[in-house]
Structures are given as structure tokens and as C-alpha cells.
PDB file of N, CA and C in Angstrom:
ATOM      1  N   LEU A   1      83.799 101.823 108.051  1.00  0.00           N
ATOM      2  CA  LEU A   1      83.425 102.989 107.315  1.00  0.00           C
ATOM      3  C   LEU A   1      82.598 103.929 108.145  1.00  0.00           C
ATOM      4  N   GLU A   2      81.776 103.371 108.996  1.00  0.00           N
ATOM      5  CA  GLU A   2      80.898 104.198 109.844  1.00  0.00           C
ATOM      6  C   GLU A   2      81.719 105.155 110.735  1.00  0.00           C
ATOM      7  N   SER A   3      82.886 104.716 111.159  1.00  0.00           N
ATOM      8  CA  SER A   3      83.700 105.564 112.060  1.00  0.00           C
ATOM      9  C   SER A   3      84.487 106.630 111.284  1.00  0.00           C
ATOM     10  N   LEU A   4      84.559 106.483 109.973  1.00  0.00           N
ATOM     11  CA  LEU A   4      85.400 107.406 109.175  1.00  0.00           C
ATOM     12  C   LEU A   4      84.531 108.446 108.392  1.00  0.00           C
ATOM     13  N   LEU A   5      83.365 108.019 107.990  1.00  0.00           N
ATOM     14  CA  LEU A   5      82.544 108.835 107.052  1.00  0.00           C
ATOM     15  C   LEU A   5      81.230 109.229 107.655  1.00  0.00           C
ATOM     16  N   THR A   6      80.758 110.437 107.239  1.00  0.00           N
ATOM     17  CA  THR A   6      79.484 110.911 107.656  1.00  0.00           C
ATOM     18  C   THR A   6      78.645 111.238 106.393  1.00  0.00           C
ATOM     19  N   GLU A   7      77.381 111.310 106.510  1.00  0.00           N
ATOM     20  CA  GLU A   7      76.505 111.667 105.394  1.00  0.00           C
ATOM     21  C   GLU A   7      76.762 113.090 104.915  1.00  0.00           C
ATOM     22  N   LYS A   8      77.223 113.974 105.790  1.00  0.00           N
ATOM     23  CA  LYS A   8      77.421 115.349 105.452  1.00  0.00           C
ATOM     24  C   LYS A   8      78.679 115.562 104.638  1.00  0.00           C
ATOM     25  N   MET A   9      79.564 114.604 104.590  1.00  0.00           N
ATOM     26  CA  MET A   9      80.819 114.726 103.855  1.00  0.00           C
ATOM     27  C   MET A   9      80.573 114.682 102.366  1.00  0.00           C
ATOM     28  N   SER A  10      81.291 115.503 101.578  1.00  0.00           N
ATOM     29  CA  SER A  10      81.282 115.411 100.145  1.00  0.00           C
ATOM     30  C   SER A  10      81.993 114.168  99.739  1.00  0.00           C
ATOM     31  N   ASP A  11      81.845 113.735  98.503  1.00  0.00           N
ATOM     32  CA  ASP A  11      82.538 112.566  97.989  1.00  0.00           C
ATOM     33  C   ASP A  11      84.101 112.789  98.058  1.00  0.00           C
ATOM     34  N   ALA A  12      84.497 114.048  97.806  1.00  0.00           N
ATOM     35  CA  ALA A  12      85.924 114.372  97.849  1.00  0.00           C
ATOM     36  C   ALA A  12      86.447 114.209  99.302  1.00  0.00           C
ATOM     37  N   GLU A  13      85.683 114.644 100.263  1.00  0.00           N
ATOM     38  CA  GLU A  13      86.072 114.497 101.662  1.00  0.00           C
ATOM     39  C   GLU A  13      86.104 113.091 102.112  1.00  0.00           C
ATOM     40  N   LYS A  14      85.154 112.268 101.590  1.00  0.00           N
ATOM     41  CA  LYS A  14      85.159 110.847 101.900  1.00  0.00           C
ATOM     42  C   LYS A  14      86.366 110.186 101.351  1.00  0.00           C
ATOM     43  N   CYS A  15      86.729 110.537 100.135  1.00  0.00           N
ATOM     44  CA  CYS A  15      87.918 109.987  99.483  1.00  0.00           C
ATOM     45  C   CYS A  15      89.183 110.282 100.272  1.00  0.00           C
ATOM     46  N   ILE A  16      89.388 111.549 100.695  1.00  0.00           N
ATOM     47  CA  ILE A  16      90.554 111.971 101.437  1.00  0.00           C
ATOM     48  C   ILE A  16      90.556 111.254 102.798  1.00  0.00           C
ATOM     49  N   ALA A  17      89.394 111.108 103.443  1.00  0.00           N
ATOM     50  CA  ALA A  17      89.338 110.428 104.738  1.00  0.00           C
ATOM     51  C   ALA A  17      89.793 108.996 104.635  1.00  0.00           C
ATOM     52  N   LEU A  18      89.354 108.305 103.592  1.00  0.00           N
ATOM     53  CA  LEU A  18      89.718 106.916 103.367  1.00  0.00           C
ATOM     54  C   LEU A  18      91.201 106.810 103.084  1.00  0.00           C
ATOM     55  N   TRP A  19      91.730 107.681 102.246  1.00  0.00           N
ATOM     56  CA  TRP A  19      93.108 107.687 101.902  1.00  0.00           C
ATOM     57  C   TRP A  19      94.009 107.930 103.153  1.00  0.00           C
ATOM     58  N   LYS A  20      93.628 108.902 103.961  1.00  0.00           N
ATOM     59  CA  LYS A  20      94.379 109.177 105.201  1.00  0.00           C
ATOM     60  C   LYS A  20      94.378 107.944 106.113  1.00  0.00           C
ATOM     61  N   PHE A  21      93.192 107.306 106.229  1.00  0.00           N
ATOM     62  CA  PHE A  21      93.064 106.141 107.079  1.00  0.00           C
ATOM     63  C   PHE A  21      94.052 105.026 106.652  1.00  0.00           C
ATOM     64  N   VAL A  22      94.054 104.713 105.328  1.00  0.00           N
ATOM     65  CA  VAL A  22      94.938 103.633 104.884  1.00  0.00           C
ATOM     66  C   VAL A  22      96.409 104.049 105.027  1.00  0.00           C
ATOM     67  N   CYS A  23      96.710 105.313 104.776  1.00  0.00           N
ATOM     68  CA  CYS A  23      98.116 105.783 104.946  1.00  0.00           C
ATOM     69  C   CYS A  23      98.543 105.686 106.395  1.00  0.00           C
ATOM     70  N   GLU A  24      97.643 106.015 107.335  1.00  0.00           N
ATOM     71  CA  GLU A  24      98.056 106.068 108.716  1.00  0.00           C
ATOM     72  C   GLU A  24      97.951 104.743 109.444  1.00  0.00           C
ATOM     73  N   TRP A  25      97.152 103.803 109.000  1.00  0.00           N
ATOM     74  CA  TRP A  25      96.918 102.525 109.697  1.00  0.00           C
ATOM     75  C   TRP A  25      97.624 101.320 109.048  1.00  0.00           C
ATOM     76  N   THR A  26      98.308 101.577 107.902  1.00  0.00           N
ATOM     77  CA  THR A  26      99.030 100.477 107.281  1.00  0.00           C
ATOM     78  C   THR A  26     100.442 101.000 106.965  1.00  0.00           C
ATOM     79  N   PHE A  27     101.374 100.070 106.648  1.00  0.00           N
ATOM     80  CA  PHE A  27     102.717 100.496 106.287  1.00  0.00           C
ATOM     81  C   PHE A  27     103.235  99.557 105.181  1.00  0.00           C
ATOM     82  N   HIS A  28     104.280 100.031 104.485  1.00  0.00           N
ATOM     83  CA  HIS A  28     104.863  99.321 103.394  1.00  0.00           C
ATOM     84  C   HIS A  28     105.822  98.245 103.915  1.00  0.00           C
ATOM     85  N   CYS A  29     105.555  97.016 103.540  1.00  0.00           N
ATOM     86  CA  CYS A  29     106.462  95.896 103.868  1.00  0.00           C
ATOM     87  C   CYS A  29     106.080  94.700 102.967  1.00  0.00           C
ATOM     88  N   SER A  30     106.941  93.693 103.054  1.00  0.00           N
ATOM     89  CA  SER A  30     106.634  92.469 102.296  1.00  0.00           C
ATOM     90  C   SER A  30     105.330  91.873 102.886  1.00  0.00           C
ATOM     91  N   PRO A  31     104.377  91.521 101.997  1.00  0.00           N
ATOM     92  CA  PRO A  31     103.133  90.951 102.525  1.00  0.00           C
ATOM     93  C   PRO A  31     103.356  89.660 103.362  1.00  0.00           C
ATOM     94  N   VAL A  32     102.549  89.559 104.361  1.00  0.00           N
ATOM     95  CA  VAL A  32     102.620  88.359 105.229  1.00  0.00           C
ATOM     96  C   VAL A  32     101.971  87.172 104.495  1.00  0.00           C
ATOM     97  N   SER A  33     100.970  87.495 103.740  1.00  0.00           N
ATOM     98  CA  SER A  33     100.242  86.425 102.978  1.00  0.00           C
ATOM     99  C   SER A  33     100.607  86.423 101.522  1.00  0.00           C
ATOM    100  N   SER A  34     100.741  85.294 100.898  1.00  0.00           N
ATOM    101  CA  SER A  34     100.998  85.227  99.489  1.00  0.00           C
ATOM    102  C   SER A  34      99.668  85.114  98.653  1.00  0.00           C
ATOM    103  N   VAL A  35      98.586  85.059  99.376  1.00  0.00           N
ATOM    104  CA  VAL A  35      97.288  85.015  98.729  1.00  0.00           C
ATOM    105  C   VAL A  35      96.763  86.441  98.460  1.00  0.00           C
ATOM    106  N   ASP A  36      96.927  86.908  97.242  1.00  0.00           N
ATOM    107  CA  ASP A  36      96.575  88.300  96.911  1.00  0.00           C
ATOM    108  C   ASP A  36      95.177  88.729  97.353  1.00  0.00           C
ATOM    109  N   GLN A  37      94.233  87.825  97.099  1.00  0.00           N
ATOM    110  CA  GLN A  37      92.802  88.205  97.387  1.00  0.00           C
ATOM    111  C   GLN A  37      92.661  88.390  98.931  1.00  0.00           C
ATOM    112  N   GLN A  38      93.414  87.602  99.712  1.00  0.00           N
ATOM    113  CA  GLN A  38      93.269  87.693 101.122  1.00  0.00           C
ATOM    114  C   GLN A  38      93.767  89.029 101.697  1.00  0.00           C
ATOM    115  N   ILE A  39      94.912  89.453 101.251  1.00  0.00           N
ATOM    116  CA  ILE A  39      95.513  90.689 101.794  1.00  0.00           C
ATOM    117  C   ILE A  39      94.861  91.929 101.227  1.00  0.00           C
ATOM    118  N   ASN A  40      94.171  91.826 100.082  1.00  0.00           N
ATOM    119  CA  ASN A  40      93.448  92.975  99.479  1.00  0.00           C
ATOM    120  C   ASN A  40      92.090  93.175 100.128  1.00  0.00           C
ATOM    121  N   ASP A  41      91.721  92.283 101.027  1.00  0.00           N
ATOM    122  CA  ASP A  41      90.451  92.413 101.770  1.00  0.00           C
ATOM    123  C   ASP A  41      90.706  93.487 102.892  1.00  0.00           C
ATOM    124  N   PRO A  42      89.967  94.603 102.862  1.00  0.00           N
ATOM    125  CA  PRO A  42      90.243  95.627 103.889  1.00  0.00           C
ATOM    126  C   PRO A  42      90.169  95.099 105.349  1.00  0.00           C
ATOM    127  N   ALA A  43      89.226  94.223 105.637  1.00  0.00           N
ATOM    128  CA  ALA A  43      89.121  93.721 107.026  1.00  0.00           C
ATOM    129  C   ALA A  43      90.354  92.945 107.417  1.00  0.00           C
ATOM    130  N   ILE A  44      90.916  92.146 106.499  1.00  0.00           N
ATOM    131  CA  ILE A  44      92.071  91.339 106.836  1.00  0.00           C
ATOM    132  C   ILE A  44      93.363  92.200 106.898  1.00  0.00           C
ATOM    133  N   LEU A  45      93.541  93.073 105.922  1.00  0.00           N
ATOM    134  CA  LEU A  45      94.773  93.929 105.950  1.00  0.00           C
ATOM    135  C   LEU A  45      94.769  94.852 107.126  1.00  0.00           C
ATOM    136  N   LEU A  46      93.651  95.519 107.354  1.00  0.00           N
ATOM    137  CA  LEU A  46      93.562  96.562 108.435  1.00  0.00           C
ATOM    138  C   LEU A  46      93.544  95.984 109.831  1.00  0.00           C
ATOM    139  N   ASN A  47      92.917  94.769 109.963  1.00  0.00           N
ATOM    140  CA  ASN A  47      92.827  94.202 111.286  1.00  0.00           C
ATOM    141  C   ASN A  47      93.820  93.101 111.601  1.00  0.00           C
ATOM    142  N   GLY A  48      94.606  92.733 110.606  1.00  0.00           N
ATOM    143  CA  GLY A  48      95.542  91.640 110.852  1.00  0.00           C
ATOM    144  C   GLY A  48      96.977  91.964 110.431  1.00  0.00           C
ATOM    145  N   PHE A  49      97.172  91.923 109.115  1.00  0.00           N
ATOM    146  CA  PHE A  49      98.521  92.114 108.551  1.00  0.00           C
ATOM    147  C   PHE A  49      99.083  93.540 108.752  1.00  0.00           C
ATOM    148  N   GLU A  50      98.255  94.532 108.462  1.00  0.00           N
ATOM    149  CA  GLU A  50      98.584  95.956 108.593  1.00  0.00           C
ATOM    150  C   GLU A  50      99.696  96.407 107.666  1.00  0.00           C
ATOM    151  N   CYS A  51     100.165  95.561 106.808  1.00  0.00           N
ATOM    152  CA  CYS A  51     101.237  95.996 105.890  1.00  0.00           C
ATOM    153  C   CYS A  51     101.111  95.213 104.579  1.00  0.00           C
ATOM    154  N   GLY A  52     101.757  95.813 103.558  1.00  0.00           N
ATOM    155  CA  GLY A  52     101.825  95.128 102.266  1.00  0.00           C
ATOM    156  C   GLY A  52     102.547  96.047 101.274  1.00  0.00           C
ATOM    157  N   PHE A  53     102.648  95.568 100.038  1.00  0.00           N
ATOM    158  CA  PHE A  53     103.220  96.356  98.998  1.00  0.00           C
ATOM    159  C   PHE A  53     102.218  97.354  98.452  1.00  0.00           C
ATOM    160  N   CYS A  54     102.599  98.091  97.421  1.00  0.00           N
ATOM    161  CA  CYS A  54     101.739  99.105  96.848  1.00  0.00           C
ATOM    162  C   CYS A  54     100.423  98.554  96.376  1.00  0.00           C
ATOM    163  N   ASP A  55     100.462  97.333  95.742  1.00  0.00           N
ATOM    164  CA  ASP A  55      99.208  96.787  95.250  1.00  0.00           C
ATOM    165  C   ASP A  55      98.258  96.408  96.400  1.00  0.00           C
ATOM    166  N   ASP A  56      98.804  95.979  97.484  1.00  0.00           N
ATOM    167  CA  ASP A  56      97.990  95.575  98.644  1.00  0.00           C
ATOM    168  C   ASP A  56      97.322  96.791  99.265  1.00  0.00           C
ATOM    169  N   ARG A  57      98.106  97.789  99.636  1.00  0.00           N
ATOM    170  CA  ARG A  57      97.608  98.981 100.276  1.00  0.00           C
ATOM    171  C   ARG A  57      96.649  99.768  99.408  1.00  0.00           C
ATOM    172  N   ASN A  58      97.000  99.871  98.117  1.00  0.00           N
ATOM    173  CA  ASN A  58      96.117 100.661  97.244  1.00  0.00           C
ATOM    174  C   ASN A  58      94.907  99.913  96.798  1.00  0.00           C
ATOM    175  N   ALA A  59      94.972  98.602  96.743  1.00  0.00           N
ATOM    176  CA  ALA A  59      93.746  97.813  96.452  1.00  0.00           C
ATOM    177  C   ALA A  59      92.790  97.955  97.661  1.00  0.00           C
ATOM    178  N   VAL A  60      93.298  97.975  98.855  1.00  0.00           N
ATOM    179  CA  VAL A  60      92.459  98.143 100.067  1.00  0.00           C
ATOM    180  C   VAL A  60      91.788  99.523  99.985  1.00  0.00           C
ATOM    181  N   LEU A  61      92.540 100.584  99.573  1.00  0.00           N
ATOM    182  CA  LEU A  61      91.884 101.899  99.426  1.00  0.00           C
ATOM    183  C   LEU A  61      90.785 101.847  98.382  1.00  0.00           C
ATOM    184  N   ALA A  62      91.047 101.237  97.264  1.00  0.00           N
ATOM    185  CA  ALA A  62      90.054 101.116  96.200  1.00  0.00           C
ATOM    186  C   ALA A  62      88.856 100.328  96.661  1.00  0.00           C
ATOM    187  N   ASN A  63      89.019  99.248  97.433  1.00  0.00           N
ATOM    188  CA  ASN A  63      87.970  98.468  97.932  1.00  0.00           C
ATOM    189  C   ASN A  63      87.136  99.238  98.959  1.00  0.00           C
ATOM    190  N   LEU A  64      87.813 100.005  99.854  1.00  0.00           N
ATOM    191  CA  LEU A  64      87.060 100.813 100.821  1.00  0.00           C
ATOM    192  C   LEU A  64      86.217 101.901 100.101  1.00  0.00           C
ATOM    193  N   ALA A  65      86.799 102.511  99.086  1.00  0.00           N
ATOM    194  CA  ALA A  65      86.078 103.508  98.305  1.00  0.00           C
ATOM    195  C   ALA A  65      84.819 102.895  97.693  1.00  0.00           C
ATOM    196  N   ALA A  66      84.980 101.706  97.087  1.00  0.00           N
ATOM    197  CA  ALA A  66      83.835 101.050  96.493  1.00  0.00           C
ATOM    198  C   ALA A  66      82.772 100.681  97.528  1.00  0.00           C
ATOM    199  N   MET A  67      83.216 100.224  98.673  1.00  0.00           N
ATOM    200  CA  MET A  67      82.274  99.960  99.773  1.00  0.00           C
ATOM    201  C   MET A  67      81.557 101.199 100.246  1.00  0.00           C
ATOM    202  N   ALA A  68      82.166 102.357 100.091  1.00  0.00           N
ATOM    203  CA  ALA A  68      81.577 103.618 100.426  1.00  0.00           C
ATOM    204  C   ALA A  68      80.697 104.216  99.300  1.00  0.00           C
ATOM    205  N   GLY A  69      80.550 103.454  98.195  1.00  0.00           N
ATOM    206  CA  GLY A  69      79.764 103.924  97.095  1.00  0.00           C
ATOM    207  C   GLY A  69      80.504 104.785  96.068  1.00  0.00           C
ATOM    208  N   LEU A  70      81.824 104.814  96.142  1.00  0.00           N
ATOM    209  CA  LEU A  70      82.620 105.576  95.202  1.00  0.00           C
ATOM    210  C   LEU A  70      83.284 104.604  94.214  1.00  0.00           C
ATOM    211  N   PRO A  71      82.950 104.712  92.948  1.00  0.00           N
ATOM    212  CA  PRO A  71      83.587 103.809  91.950  1.00  0.00           C
ATOM    213  C   PRO A  71      85.122 103.934  92.030  1.00  0.00           C
ATOM    214  N   SER A  72      85.765 102.789  91.886  1.00  0.00           N
ATOM    215  CA  SER A  72      87.233 102.822  91.944  1.00  0.00           C
ATOM    216  C   SER A  72      87.797 101.842  90.981  1.00  0.00           C
ATOM    217  N   ARG A  73      89.060 102.090  90.649  1.00  0.00           N
ATOM    218  CA  ARG A  73      89.802 101.154  89.765  1.00  0.00           C
ATOM    219  C   ARG A  73      91.255 101.182  90.197  1.00  0.00           C
ATOM    220  N   VAL A  74      92.030 100.210  89.776  1.00  0.00           N
ATOM    221  CA  VAL A  74      93.440 100.101  90.122  1.00  0.00           C
ATOM    222  C   VAL A  74      94.262 100.013  88.845  1.00  0.00           C
ATOM    223  N   TYR A  75      95.262 100.871  88.802  1.00  0.00           N
ATOM    224  CA  TYR A  75      96.186 100.944  87.595  1.00  0.00           C
ATOM    225  C   TYR A  75      97.463 100.222  88.015  1.00  0.00           C
ATOM    226  N   GLU A  76      97.951  99.428  87.079  1.00  0.00           N
ATOM    227  CA  GLU A  76      99.325  98.848  87.253  1.00  0.00           C
ATOM    228  C   GLU A  76     100.225  99.623  86.326  1.00  0.00           C
ATOM    229  N   LEU A  77     101.097 100.425  86.899  1.00  0.00           N
ATOM    230  CA  LEU A  77     102.016 101.220  86.154  1.00  0.00           C
ATOM    231  C   LEU A  77     103.327 100.437  86.038  1.00  0.00           C
ATOM    232  N   GLU A  78     104.376 101.015  85.588  1.00  0.00           N
ATOM    233  CA  GLU A  78     105.698 100.386  85.489  1.00  0.00           C
ATOM    234  C   GLU A  78     106.295 100.269  86.861  1.00  0.00           C
ATOM    235  N   GLY A  79     106.094  99.111  87.472  1.00  0.00           N
ATOM    236  CA  GLY A  79     106.660  98.832  88.823  1.00  0.00           C
ATOM    237  C   GLY A  79     105.923  99.407  89.985  1.00  0.00           C
ATOM    238  N   HIS A  80     104.737  99.968  89.776  1.00  0.00           N
ATOM    239  CA  HIS A  80     103.956 100.523  90.840  1.00  0.00           C
ATOM    240  C   HIS A  80     102.470 100.392  90.589  1.00  0.00           C
ATOM    241  N   VAL A  81     101.661 100.291  91.595  1.00  0.00           N
ATOM    242  CA  VAL A  81     100.223 100.157  91.482  1.00  0.00           C
ATOM    243  C   VAL A  81      99.560 101.320  92.218  1.00  0.00           C
ATOM    244  N   VAL A  82      98.606 101.955  91.538  1.00  0.00           N
ATOM    245  CA  VAL A  82      97.873 103.094  92.182  1.00  0.00           C
ATOM    246  C   VAL A  82      96.356 102.949  91.934  1.00  0.00           C
ATOM    247  N   PRO A  83      95.570 103.485  92.855  1.00  0.00           N
ATOM    248  CA  PRO A  83      94.158 103.470  92.608  1.00  0.00           C
ATOM    249  C   PRO A  83      93.627 104.813  92.078  1.00  0.00           C
ATOM    250  N   GLU A  84      92.535 104.763  91.404  1.00  0.00           N
ATOM    251  CA  GLU A  84      91.765 105.988  91.077  1.00  0.00           C
ATOM    252  C   GLU A  84      90.353 105.855  91.623  1.00  0.00           C
ATOM    253  N   ILE A  85      89.861 106.920  92.150  1.00  0.00           N
ATOM    254  CA  ILE A  85      88.511 106.967  92.723  1.00  0.00           C
ATOM    255  C   ILE A  85      87.701 108.021  92.003  1.00  0.00           C
ATOM    256  N   PHE A  86      86.454 107.645  91.613  1.00  0.00           N
ATOM    257  CA  PHE A  86      85.610 108.561  90.803  1.00  0.00           C
ATOM    258  C   PHE A  86      84.652 109.336  91.708  1.00  0.00           C
ATOM    259  N   TYR A  87      84.757 110.666  91.574  1.00  0.00           N
ATOM    260  CA  TYR A  87      83.772 111.549  92.221  1.00  0.00           C
ATOM    261  C   TYR A  87      83.836 112.913  91.527  1.00  0.00           C
ATOM    262  N   ASP A  88      82.803 113.703  91.663  1.00  0.00           N
ATOM    263  CA  ASP A  88      82.686 115.010  91.042  1.00  0.00           C
ATOM    264  C   ASP A  88      82.929 114.938  89.521  1.00  0.00           C
ATOM    265  N   GLY A  89      82.500 113.854  88.885  1.00  0.00           N
ATOM    266  CA  GLY A  89      82.541 113.765  87.453  1.00  0.00           C
ATOM    267  C   GLY A  89      83.852 113.336  86.845  1.00  0.00           C
ATOM    268  N   SER A  90      84.864 112.964  87.668  1.00  0.00           N
ATOM    269  CA  SER A  90      86.121 112.570  87.117  1.00  0.00           C
ATOM    270  C   SER A  90      86.870 111.649  88.095  1.00  0.00           C
ATOM    271  N   TRP A  91      87.946 111.016  87.544  1.00  0.00           N
ATOM    272  CA  TRP A  91      88.785 110.132  88.343  1.00  0.00           C
ATOM    273  C   TRP A  91      89.854 110.871  89.066  1.00  0.00           C
ATOM    274  N   HIS A  92      90.302 110.385  90.233  1.00  0.00           N
ATOM    275  CA  HIS A  92      91.331 111.028  91.033  1.00  0.00           C
ATOM    276  C   HIS A  92      92.288 109.957  91.577  1.00  0.00           C
ATOM    277  N   MET A  93      93.578 110.162  91.446  1.00  0.00           N
ATOM    278  CA  MET A  93      94.582 109.184  91.868  1.00  0.00           C
ATOM    279  C   MET A  93      95.124 109.638  93.238  1.00  0.00           C
ATOM    280  N   LEU A  94      94.946 108.765  94.235  1.00  0.00           N
ATOM    281  CA  LEU A  94      95.484 108.988  95.584  1.00  0.00           C
ATOM    282  C   LEU A  94      96.290 107.702  95.896  1.00  0.00           C
ATOM    283  N   ASP A  95      97.558 107.850  96.170  1.00  0.00           N
ATOM    284  CA  ASP A  95      98.443 106.720  96.386  1.00  0.00           C
ATOM    285  C   ASP A  95      98.611 106.542  97.906  1.00  0.00           C
ATOM    286  N   ALA A  96      97.997 105.474  98.403  1.00  0.00           N
ATOM    287  CA  ALA A  96      98.045 105.161  99.855  1.00  0.00           C
ATOM    288  C   ALA A  96      99.347 104.455 100.234  1.00  0.00           C
ATOM    289  N   ASP A  97     100.127 104.001  99.277  1.00  0.00           N
ATOM    290  CA  ASP A  97     101.424 103.387  99.604  1.00  0.00           C
ATOM    291  C   ASP A  97     102.488 104.457  99.786  1.00  0.00           C
ATOM    292  N   LYS A  98     102.517 105.429  98.890  1.00  0.00           N
ATOM    293  CA  LYS A  98     103.482 106.531  98.975  1.00  0.00           C
ATOM    294  C   LYS A  98     102.915 107.677  99.787  1.00  0.00           C
ATOM    295  N   CYS A  99     101.616 107.573 100.125  1.00  0.00           N
ATOM    296  CA  CYS A  99     100.931 108.655 100.896  1.00  0.00           C
ATOM    297  C   CYS A  99     101.028 109.981 100.210  1.00  0.00           C
ATOM    298  N   ILE A 100     100.720 109.975  98.954  1.00  0.00           N
ATOM    299  CA  ILE A 100     100.763 111.203  98.123  1.00  0.00           C
ATOM    300  C   ILE A 100      99.524 111.281  97.178  1.00  0.00           C
ATOM    301  N   PHE A 101      99.199 112.490  96.807  1.00  0.00           N
ATOM    302  CA  PHE A 101      98.343 112.727  95.672  1.00  0.00           C
ATOM    303  C   PHE A 101      98.813 114.077  95.104  1.00  0.00           C
ATOM    304  N   PHE A 102      98.300 114.404  93.883  1.00  0.00           N
ATOM    305  CA  PHE A 102      98.846 115.553  93.164  1.00  0.00           C
ATOM    306  C   PHE A 102      97.685 116.509  92.798  1.00  0.00           C
ATOM    307  N   PRO A 103      97.591 117.600  93.491  1.00  0.00           N
ATOM    308  CA  PRO A 103      96.554 118.581  93.167  1.00  0.00           C
ATOM    309  C   PRO A 103      96.897 119.370  91.909  1.00  0.00           C
ATOM    310  N   LYS A 104      95.892 119.631  91.080  1.00  0.00           N
ATOM    311  CA  LYS A 104      96.027 120.450  89.897  1.00  0.00           C
ATOM    312  C   LYS A 104      95.951 121.908  90.365  1.00  0.00           C
ATOM    313  N   LYS A 105      96.154 122.860  89.473  1.00  0.00           N
ATOM    314  CA  LYS A 105      96.089 124.265  89.800  1.00  0.00           C
ATOM    315  C   LYS A 105      94.730 124.669  90.386  1.00  0.00           C
ATOM    316  N   ASN A 106      93.656 123.986  89.909  1.00  0.00           N
ATOM    317  CA  ASN A 106      92.322 124.313  90.433  1.00  0.00           C
ATOM    318  C   ASN A 106      92.018 123.654  91.778  1.00  0.00           C
ATOM    319  N   GLY A 107      92.968 122.846  92.298  1.00  0.00           N
ATOM    320  CA  GLY A 107      92.770 122.204  93.588  1.00  0.00           C
ATOM    321  C   GLY A 107      92.297 120.786  93.491  1.00  0.00           C
ATOM    322  N   ALA A 108      91.728 120.406  92.355  1.00  0.00           N
ATOM    323  CA  ALA A 108      91.206 119.034  92.163  1.00  0.00           C
ATOM    324  C   ALA A 108      92.462 118.064  92.115  1.00  0.00           C
ATOM    325  N   ILE A 109      92.216 116.895  92.621  1.00  0.00           N
ATOM    326  CA  ILE A 109      93.288 115.848  92.590  1.00  0.00           C
ATOM    327  C   ILE A 109      93.370 115.272  91.179  1.00  0.00           C
ATOM    328  N   ALA A 110      94.564 115.227  90.670  1.00  0.00           N
ATOM    329  CA  ALA A 110      94.839 114.727  89.328  1.00  0.00           C
ATOM    330  C   ALA A 110      94.628 113.214  89.210  1.00  0.00           C
ATOM    331  N   ASN A 111      94.337 112.791  87.983  1.00  0.00           N
ATOM    332  CA  ASN A 111      94.240 111.354  87.748  1.00  0.00           C
ATOM    333  C   ASN A 111      95.455 110.891  86.963  1.00  0.00           C
ATOM    334  N   VAL A 112      95.556 109.606  86.699  1.00  0.00           N
ATOM    335  CA  VAL A 112      96.692 109.020  86.017  1.00  0.00           C
ATOM    336  C   VAL A 112      96.889 109.642  84.613  1.00  0.00           C
ATOM    337  N   GLU A 113      95.819 109.804  83.874  1.00  0.00           N
ATOM    338  CA  GLU A 113      95.905 110.350  82.554  1.00  0.00           C
ATOM    339  C   GLU A 113      96.465 111.775  82.585  1.00  0.00           C
ATOM    340  N   TYR A 114      95.981 112.580  83.462  1.00  0.00           N
ATOM    341  CA  TYR A 114      96.448 113.975  83.595  1.00  0.00           C
ATOM    342  C   TYR A 114      97.910 113.998  83.986  1.00  0.00           C
ATOM    343  N   LEU A 115      98.334 113.149  84.937  1.00  0.00           N
ATOM    344  CA  LEU A 115      99.716 113.093  85.389  1.00  0.00           C
ATOM    345  C   LEU A 115     100.649 112.680  84.236  1.00  0.00           C
ATOM    346  N   SER A 116     100.137 111.736  83.378  1.00  0.00           N
ATOM    347  CA  SER A 116     101.011 111.341  82.241  1.00  0.00           C
ATOM    348  C   SER A 116     101.258 112.478  81.263  1.00  0.00           C
ATOM    349  N   LYS A 117     100.314 113.455  81.233  1.00  0.00           N
ATOM    350  CA  LYS A 117     100.468 114.609  80.386  1.00  0.00           C
ATOM    351  C   LYS A 117     101.179 115.777  81.032  1.00  0.00           C
ATOM    352  N   HIS A 118     101.283 115.729  82.369  1.00  0.00           N
ATOM    353  CA  HIS A 118     101.847 116.831  83.147  1.00  0.00           C
ATOM    354  C   HIS A 118     102.859 116.281  84.167  1.00  0.00           C
ATOM    355  N   PRO A 119     103.916 115.692  83.708  1.00  0.00           N
ATOM    356  CA  PRO A 119     104.909 115.073  84.600  1.00  0.00           C
ATOM    357  C   PRO A 119     105.536 116.022  85.588  1.00  0.00           C
ATOM    358  N   GLU A 120     105.423 117.357  85.309  1.00  0.00           N
ATOM    359  CA  GLU A 120     106.013 118.313  86.228  1.00  0.00           C
ATOM    360  C   GLU A 120     105.302 118.272  87.632  1.00  0.00           C
ATOM    361  N   LEU A 121     104.110 117.741  87.685  1.00  0.00           N
ATOM    362  CA  LEU A 121     103.491 117.590  89.013  1.00  0.00           C
ATOM    363  C   LEU A 121     104.229 116.564  89.837  1.00  0.00           C
TER     364      LEU A 121
END
């Protein structure tokens, strides 16, 4: 985290930096380990396996965010898993497996609830 984040960064900037890092340093593939807790550990996935399914990559993003002091949670959708990270008074969904997020008209990143009401995004 020390190499990715600075004290001058806003929480939104920290979130984007963590998301970019997981997107760029991991890739989608069948997990090497069948032990979910092992591959969801950022140190193990990022320094060893470097790949996993959506739940693995997005759990690592959520765990990194929590380690950086940003509350996070993981949603299990129909056949896909995504994280939400809390900053600026609301939740924001950034998918490190698909390497996407969805900005609203005001530029803020949408959360799962907003996306369920605005599927056009």
C-alpha cells in the first residue's frame, strides 16, 4: 500500500489507484488454490498466484481497500462477484475482474443499488 497511496490522495483517488493495481497486476483464470481464504489474501494472490476468478480478484481489491482504511464489502450477484468501497459518504462499485466501473452523470462511481435502477449504464 505504501508504494501505491499517499496521504495527499483523496479517498476516491486511493480507491482508483487500488483498482488499477489489481486490474494491472492480476488476470482472470482458474484459481491455482482451492482454498478460498488463501487466494483472497492480497499478499498471496499478488505475490504468488496472480490470477483468479471474479471473487478472488475482487475480494483482494476489497481487502486492500479495507487495509487502506476504506470500508468495503463484496456482493455476490447472479454468476458474478463485485466489491463496493465506501468513501465520500456512499458506496462505489469497481470491478477489478472485468476492469470496469460506471460513472454517473455527476462523475461519481455508481454502486450496485444505483446500477440495478439504471441498467442503461
